[in-house]
Protein backbone atom coordinates (compact mmCIF):
# COMPACT_ATOMS: atom_id res chain seq x y z
CA UNK A 1 -14.27 -1.35 18.98
CA UNK A 2 -14.96 -4.91 18.44
CA UNK A 3 -19.13 -5.96 19.13
CA UNK A 4 -19.81 -9.25 21.04
CA UNK A 5 -19.33 -12.50 19.36
CA UNK A 6 -21.88 -15.22 19.12
CA UNK A 7 -21.23 -16.91 22.02
CA UNK A 8 -23.15 -20.05 23.65
CA UNK A 9 -22.08 -18.87 26.95
CA UNK A 10 -20.45 -16.12 28.49
CA UNK A 11 -16.91 -15.98 27.41
CA UNK A 12 -14.78 -17.47 24.61
CA UNK A 13 -12.58 -20.69 26.45
CA UNK A 14 -9.69 -19.53 29.18
CA UNK A 15 -7.12 -20.95 27.19
CA UNK A 16 -4.80 -18.81 24.78
CA UNK A 17 -3.53 -18.95 21.24
CA UNK A 18 -0.18 -19.19 20.84
CA UNK A 19 1.17 -17.24 18.04
CA UNK A 20 4.41 -16.24 16.78
CA UNK A 21 5.67 -14.71 13.49
CA UNK A 22 6.56 -10.95 11.93
CA UNK A 23 5.60 -7.52 12.98
CA UNK A 24 6.34 -5.41 11.15
CA UNK A 25 4.91 -2.14 9.51
CA UNK A 26 3.06 -2.19 5.69
CA UNK A 27 4.02 0.47 3.09
CA UNK A 28 1.37 -0.74 0.71
CA UNK A 29 0.93 0.97 -2.89
CA UNK A 30 -1.12 0.07 -5.96
CA UNK A 31 -3.05 0.92 -8.82
CA UNK A 32 0.66 0.15 -11.42
CA UNK A 33 -1.18 -1.15 -13.98
CA UNK A 34 0.12 -4.89 -14.90
CA UNK A 35 2.73 -6.67 -13.81
CA UNK A 36 1.99 -9.97 -15.64
CA UNK A 37 2.34 -6.88 -18.99
CA UNK A 38 5.34 -5.48 -17.73
CA UNK A 39 7.58 -8.44 -17.51
CA UNK A 40 5.50 -10.08 -20.79
CA UNK A 41 8.82 -10.67 -23.06
CA UNK A 42 11.14 -9.40 -20.99
CA UNK A 43 15.04 -10.96 -21.10
CA UNK A 44 14.94 -11.51 -17.08
CA UNK A 45 18.68 -12.03 -16.52
CA UNK A 46 18.36 -8.14 -17.99
CA UNK A 47 15.59 -6.66 -15.72
CA UNK A 48 14.75 -3.69 -15.06
CA UNK A 49 11.04 -2.37 -15.26
CA UNK A 50 9.89 0.53 -13.02
CA UNK A 51 6.13 0.93 -11.77
CA UNK A 52 4.17 3.87 -11.27
CA UNK A 53 1.99 3.27 -8.24
CA UNK A 54 -0.18 6.36 -7.62
CA UNK A 55 -1.77 4.74 -4.35
CA UNK A 56 0.53 5.11 -0.95
CA UNK A 57 0.13 3.73 1.82
CA UNK A 58 1.39 2.52 6.08
CA UNK A 59 -0.22 1.02 8.14
CA UNK A 60 0.53 -1.59 11.24
CA UNK A 61 0.66 -5.09 10.40
CA UNK A 62 3.06 -8.45 10.29
CA UNK A 63 2.11 -11.44 9.72
CA UNK A 64 1.41 -12.69 13.94
CA UNK A 65 -0.07 -9.14 15.54
CA UNK A 66 -2.59 -9.26 12.15
CA UNK A 67 -3.48 -12.82 13.05
CA UNK A 68 -3.43 -11.89 16.74
CA UNK A 69 -5.73 -8.93 16.44
CA UNK A 70 -7.54 -10.98 14.09
CA UNK A 71 -8.35 -13.03 16.96
CA UNK A 72 -8.41 -10.59 19.90
CA UNK A 73 -11.59 -9.47 17.28
CA UNK A 74 -13.53 -12.27 18.08
CA UNK A 75 -13.15 -12.51 21.56
CA UNK A 76 -10.58 -15.02 21.00
CA UNK A 77 -7.45 -14.04 24.20
CA UNK A 78 -3.85 -14.54 21.64
CA UNK A 79 -0.16 -14.98 22.97
CA UNK A 80 1.35 -12.95 20.56
CA UNK A 81 5.50 -13.73 20.49
CA UNK A 82 7.77 -11.43 18.25
CA UNK A 83 10.35 -8.51 18.07
CA UNK A 84 10.07 -4.75 17.08
CA UNK A 85 12.99 -2.70 17.21
CA UNK A 86 13.27 1.09 18.25
CA UNK A 87 10.60 2.75 16.64
CA UNK A 88 7.72 0.04 17.67
CA UNK A 89 6.49 1.82 20.54
CA UNK A 90 3.29 3.13 19.26
CA UNK A 91 2.78 -0.12 17.62
CA UNK A 92 2.85 -1.75 21.36
CA UNK A 93 0.38 1.04 22.80
CA UNK A 94 -1.89 0.24 19.80
CA UNK A 95 -2.48 -3.37 20.07
CA UNK A 96 -2.18 -3.04 24.17
CA UNK A 97 -5.07 -1.00 23.78
CA UNK A 98 -6.37 -3.07 22.05
CA UNK A 99 -6.64 -5.71 25.27
CA UNK A 100 -3.52 -7.95 22.32
CA UNK A 101 -1.22 -8.58 25.42
CA UNK A 102 2.86 -7.76 24.84
CA UNK A 103 4.37 -9.37 27.99
CA UNK A 104 6.46 -11.67 25.19
CA UNK A 105 7.16 -8.83 22.25
CA UNK A 106 10.52 -8.07 22.45
CA UNK A 107 11.77 -4.03 21.07
CA UNK A 108 15.76 -3.74 20.45
CA UNK A 109 16.58 -0.59 19.27
CA UNK A 110 19.73 -1.09 17.62
CA UNK A 111 17.71 -1.97 15.04
CA UNK A 112 13.54 -0.46 12.90
CA UNK A 113 10.95 -2.82 12.98
CA UNK A 114 10.81 -4.55 10.49
CA UNK A 115 9.23 -3.36 6.74
CA UNK A 116 7.18 -4.74 3.93
CA UNK A 117 6.68 -3.08 0.61
CA UNK A 118 3.67 -4.55 -0.75
CA UNK A 119 3.17 -3.38 -4.31
CA UNK A 120 -0.19 -4.82 -6.19
CA UNK A 121 -1.40 -4.54 -9.91
CA UNK A 122 -4.68 -3.78 -11.07
CA UNK A 123 -5.46 -7.64 -11.09
CA UNK A 124 -4.36 -8.05 -7.96
CA UNK A 125 -1.53 -9.79 -7.88
CA UNK A 126 1.53 -8.25 -5.88
CA UNK A 127 5.27 -8.43 -5.54
CA UNK A 128 6.61 -7.67 -2.73
CA UNK A 129 10.07 -6.71 0.00
CA UNK A 130 10.87 -7.45 3.17
CA UNK A 131 13.19 -6.18 5.73
CA UNK A 132 12.99 -8.75 8.46
CA UNK A 133 14.88 -5.43 10.72
CA UNK A 134 14.95 -5.79 14.13
CA UNK A 135 13.14 -9.28 13.51
CA UNK A 136 16.28 -11.46 12.50
CA UNK A 137 18.29 -9.86 16.16
CA UNK A 138 14.71 -11.37 18.42
CA UNK A 139 15.73 -13.68 21.07
CA UNK A 140 13.12 -16.06 22.28
CA UNK A 141 11.16 -15.15 25.82
CA UNK A 142 10.66 -17.44 28.48
CA UNK A 143 7.69 -18.65 28.84
CA UNK A 144 8.22 -20.77 31.78
CA UNK A 145 3.97 -21.36 33.56
CA UNK A 146 2.35 -20.69 30.12
CA UNK A 147 1.88 -24.13 28.61
CA UNK A 148 -0.93 -24.63 30.66
CA UNK A 149 -2.92 -21.71 29.14
CA UNK A 150 -2.52 -22.79 25.43
CA UNK A 151 -4.96 -24.90 23.37
CA UNK A 152 -3.63 -24.80 18.82
CA UNK A 153 -0.76 -22.47 17.91
CA UNK A 154 0.50 -20.61 14.77
CA UNK A 155 4.09 -20.81 13.58
CA UNK A 156 4.01 -17.64 10.74
CA UNK A 157 6.59 -15.96 8.95
CA UNK A 158 9.41 -15.10 11.10
CA UNK A 159 13.42 -15.41 10.87
CA UNK A 160 13.98 -19.31 10.65
CA UNK A 161 15.84 -19.51 14.01
CA UNK A 162 12.52 -17.89 15.33
CA UNK A 163 10.25 -20.32 13.99
CA UNK A 164 12.67 -22.93 14.77
CA UNK A 165 12.90 -21.91 18.28
CA UNK A 166 8.62 -21.94 18.86
CA UNK A 167 8.20 -25.08 16.63
CA UNK A 168 10.74 -26.69 19.36
CA UNK A 169 8.84 -25.06 21.22
CA UNK A 170 5.20 -26.42 20.76
CA UNK A 171 7.21 -29.89 19.47
CA UNK A 172 8.10 -29.85 22.57
CA UNK A 173 4.87 -28.46 25.20
CA UNK A 174 2.61 -31.05 22.78
CA UNK A 175 1.12 -27.76 21.69
CA UNK A 176 -0.52 -28.71 18.15
CA UNK A 177 0.53 -26.06 15.54
CA UNK A 178 -0.12 -24.52 12.68
CA UNK A 179 2.94 -23.74 10.18
CA UNK A 180 2.62 -21.01 7.93
CA UNK A 181 6.29 -20.74 6.39
CA UNK A 182 4.75 -18.14 4.01
CA UNK A 183 7.06 -16.14 2.22
CA UNK A 184 9.96 -18.03 4.63
CA UNK A 185 9.52 -21.89 2.82
CA UNK A 186 13.25 -20.81 0.65
CA UNK A 187 14.68 -19.90 3.45
CA UNK A 188 13.88 -24.28 5.60
CA UNK A 189 16.35 -26.96 3.50
CA UNK A 190 14.73 -29.60 2.07
CA UNK A 191 15.11 -31.98 5.66
CA UNK A 192 13.55 -28.93 7.43
CA UNK A 193 10.56 -29.29 5.64
CA UNK A 194 10.37 -32.63 5.80
CA UNK A 195 11.03 -32.03 9.41
CA UNK A 196 8.34 -29.57 9.93
CA UNK A 197 5.25 -31.04 7.82
CA UNK A 198 5.84 -34.18 10.31
CA UNK A 199 5.34 -32.74 13.69
CA UNK A 200 2.85 -30.09 12.96
CA UNK A 201 -1.00 -30.50 13.33
CA UNK A 202 -1.35 -29.46 9.21
CA UNK A 203 -0.08 -26.49 6.82
CA UNK A 204 -1.69 -23.44 5.84
CA UNK A 205 -0.44 -21.86 2.52
CA UNK A 206 -1.03 -20.45 -0.07
CA UNK A 207 -1.51 -20.99 -4.52
CA UNK A 208 1.84 -20.08 -5.13
CA UNK A 209 3.51 -21.42 -1.24
CA UNK A 210 2.20 -24.28 -2.66
CA UNK A 211 3.07 -24.66 -5.83
CA UNK A 212 6.79 -24.15 -4.01
CA UNK A 213 6.50 -26.41 -1.32
CA UNK A 214 5.57 -29.21 -4.37
CA UNK A 215 8.19 -28.16 -6.24
CA UNK A 216 11.02 -28.53 -3.09
CA UNK A 217 9.84 -31.87 -1.88
CA UNK A 218 8.84 -33.81 -5.45
CA UNK A 219 5.74 -34.08 -4.55
CA UNK A 220 1.57 -32.74 -6.19
CA UNK A 221 -0.55 -31.26 -3.60
CA UNK A 222 -2.84 -34.72 -3.31
CA UNK A 223 0.24 -36.39 -2.59
CA UNK A 224 1.86 -33.41 -0.22
CA UNK A 225 -1.59 -33.77 1.63
CA UNK A 226 -1.19 -37.44 2.91
CA UNK A 227 1.88 -36.23 5.19
CA UNK A 228 -0.11 -34.41 7.27
CA UNK A 229 -3.04 -34.08 9.46
CA UNK A 230 -5.02 -31.43 7.24
CA UNK A 231 -3.83 -29.45 4.81
CA UNK A 232 -5.27 -25.69 3.69
CA UNK A 233 -4.42 -24.32 0.42
CA UNK A 234 -6.26 -20.99 -0.36
CA UNK A 235 -6.58 -19.36 -3.28
CA UNK A 236 -7.79 -15.73 -3.58
CA UNK A 237 -10.73 -15.21 -5.08
CA UNK A 238 -11.04 -18.49 -5.85
CA UNK A 239 -11.65 -19.74 -2.22
CA UNK A 240 -9.13 -22.55 -0.86
CA UNK A 241 -8.69 -26.58 -0.93
CA UNK A 242 -8.80 -28.39 2.24
CA UNK A 243 -8.05 -32.00 2.45
CA UNK A 244 -8.16 -33.63 5.72
CA UNK A 245 -7.82 -37.55 6.41
CA UNK A 246 -7.63 -38.43 2.71
CA UNK A 247 -10.60 -35.88 1.67
CA UNK A 248 -10.61 -32.93 -0.09
CA UNK A 249 -12.71 -30.06 -0.88
CA UNK A 250 -13.13 -26.97 -2.39
CA UNK A 251 -14.82 -24.49 -0.02
CA UNK A 252 -15.55 -20.70 -2.98
CA UNK A 253 -14.20 -17.93 -2.01
CA UNK A 254 -16.75 -15.62 0.14
CA UNK A 255 -17.01 -12.65 -1.85
CA UNK A 256 -16.57 -9.41 -0.13
CA UNK A 257 -18.49 -6.21 -0.76
CA UNK A 258 -15.85 -4.82 -3.00
CA UNK A 259 -12.01 -5.36 -3.16
CA UNK A 260 -9.16 -2.25 -2.38
CA UNK A 261 -7.05 -3.63 -0.83
CA UNK A 262 -6.27 -8.21 -0.18
CA UNK A 263 -3.29 -7.54 1.07
CA UNK A 264 -4.62 -9.29 5.48
CA UNK A 265 -7.06 -11.50 4.10
CA UNK A 266 -4.82 -14.38 4.65
CA UNK A 267 -4.05 -12.84 7.92
CA UNK A 268 -7.74 -12.75 8.63
CA UNK A 269 -8.22 -16.63 7.05
CA UNK A 270 -5.73 -17.86 10.13
CA UNK A 271 -7.07 -16.25 13.01
CA UNK A 272 -10.63 -16.75 11.86
CA UNK A 273 -9.47 -20.99 10.71
CA UNK A 274 -7.21 -20.34 14.72
CA UNK A 275 -10.55 -19.16 16.86
CA UNK A 276 -13.15 -21.92 15.25
CA UNK A 277 -10.99 -24.94 16.28
CA UNK A 278 -10.03 -23.40 19.11
CA UNK A 279 -13.76 -23.80 19.47
CA UNK A 280 -13.69 -27.16 18.50
CA UNK A 281 -15.28 -26.70 15.52
CA UNK A 282 -14.67 -29.39 12.61
CA UNK A 283 -11.87 -27.81 10.61
CA UNK A 284 -14.37 -26.99 7.46
CA UNK A 285 -16.39 -24.65 9.61
CA UNK A 286 -13.90 -22.97 11.25
CA UNK A 287 -12.23 -22.55 7.24
CA UNK A 288 -15.53 -20.67 7.02
CA UNK A 289 -15.25 -18.36 9.47
CA UNK A 290 -11.58 -17.46 7.81
CA UNK A 291 -12.60 -16.88 5.01
CA UNK A 292 -15.73 -14.32 5.91
CA UNK A 293 -13.51 -12.67 8.32
CA UNK A 294 -10.65 -12.09 5.36
CA UNK A 295 -13.54 -10.94 3.36
CA UNK A 296 -14.04 -8.34 5.82
CA UNK A 297 -9.89 -6.75 5.18
CA UNK A 298 -10.18 -6.36 1.39
CA UNK A 299 -12.56 -4.33 1.60
CA UNK A 300 -10.45 -1.41 2.93
CA UNK A 301 -6.70 -0.16 2.89
CA UNK A 302 -4.95 -1.82 5.48
CA UNK A 303 -4.56 -5.67 7.88
CA UNK A 304 -6.62 -3.76 10.53
CA UNK A 305 -9.90 -3.72 10.90
CA UNK A 306 -10.59 -0.84 13.06
CA UNK A 307 -14.22 -2.96 14.48
CA UNK A 308 -15.98 -5.52 13.98
CA UNK A 309 -19.45 -6.56 13.54
CA UNK A 310 -19.70 -10.46 13.92
CA UNK A 311 -23.66 -11.13 13.28
CA UNK A 312 -22.35 -9.82 9.87
CA UNK A 313 -19.66 -12.01 9.36
CA UNK A 314 -21.97 -15.39 10.37
CA UNK A 315 -24.56 -13.75 8.69
CA UNK A 316 -21.57 -13.57 5.20
CA UNK A 317 -20.44 -16.74 6.26
CA UNK A 318 -24.02 -18.31 5.71
CA UNK A 319 -25.20 -16.36 2.94
CA UNK A 320 -21.62 -17.83 1.00
CA UNK A 321 -22.19 -21.23 2.95
CA UNK A 322 -26.01 -21.57 2.60
CA UNK A 323 -25.48 -22.94 6.49
CA UNK A 324 -25.28 -20.90 9.89
CA UNK A 325 -21.33 -21.20 11.66
CA UNK A 326 -21.64 -22.66 15.01
CA UNK A 327 -21.63 -20.24 17.57
CA UNK A 328 -18.80 -19.57 20.00
CA UNK A 329 -18.63 -21.09 23.34
């Protein structure tokens, strides 16, 4: 179980962090050599390749549940919204055991829980397949009475109608939301992307997703950042780029003691980022907390940390960035 966080007071603020996105099972495959070498010189119009992956693991995952899990590890109170299928009962029980409210998670009996199959090669490149399952059939819950309890939100990748509904709810209720389109960049039209960027409090994407958005909107990264209150682009082991109010800062990666599997590190980053933002920190400090938390996730197979020593998270951030993070209050 997580240890006590570094607070200035007795507890975190009571307001919640709204999290929506996929709740899924992850099938993780690794040890398949080099994807790049296998594809080099191949006729992509007649592509037919196979990779032997000696390592196989099946874990609980999904963007929203990963983010919510990490928020809870840091002492926050996530309001998790998503859908599971007929095989999702055990997952719901696990979330409840860890103190995560599942009242707004729909369980359907006409589909299986979403499943991600993620293959990682020896250079940490990834090829993923995602079956949306029950998530594509999900319905939007009634949040009557919850608006006053929510300080921040993140809208992460899931079915496009559900993401659109979440964005509309945040805009209507004037809740600052982070736009995290992930693998769903291609699912939005150009006009929808522009509209979502205009209404969000900031966008968080990885380097590849940033390039997709740039290509779609015909803007380079700096020009894209000018349309946003802030833009964060994560670059794996190379750190991240943070654009805010016309300024651009590159932060180095917070180094892990070892790298076992990078899957889930980005979601841990988002969890830490949101906790820092909800505590009123600067965006840079919140990003540093997210980076430190993500560095612990890559040290294991699976996206959900079983426990967390928060003092180690703060110490690792101090070692990486030469300054101590604020206390949570």
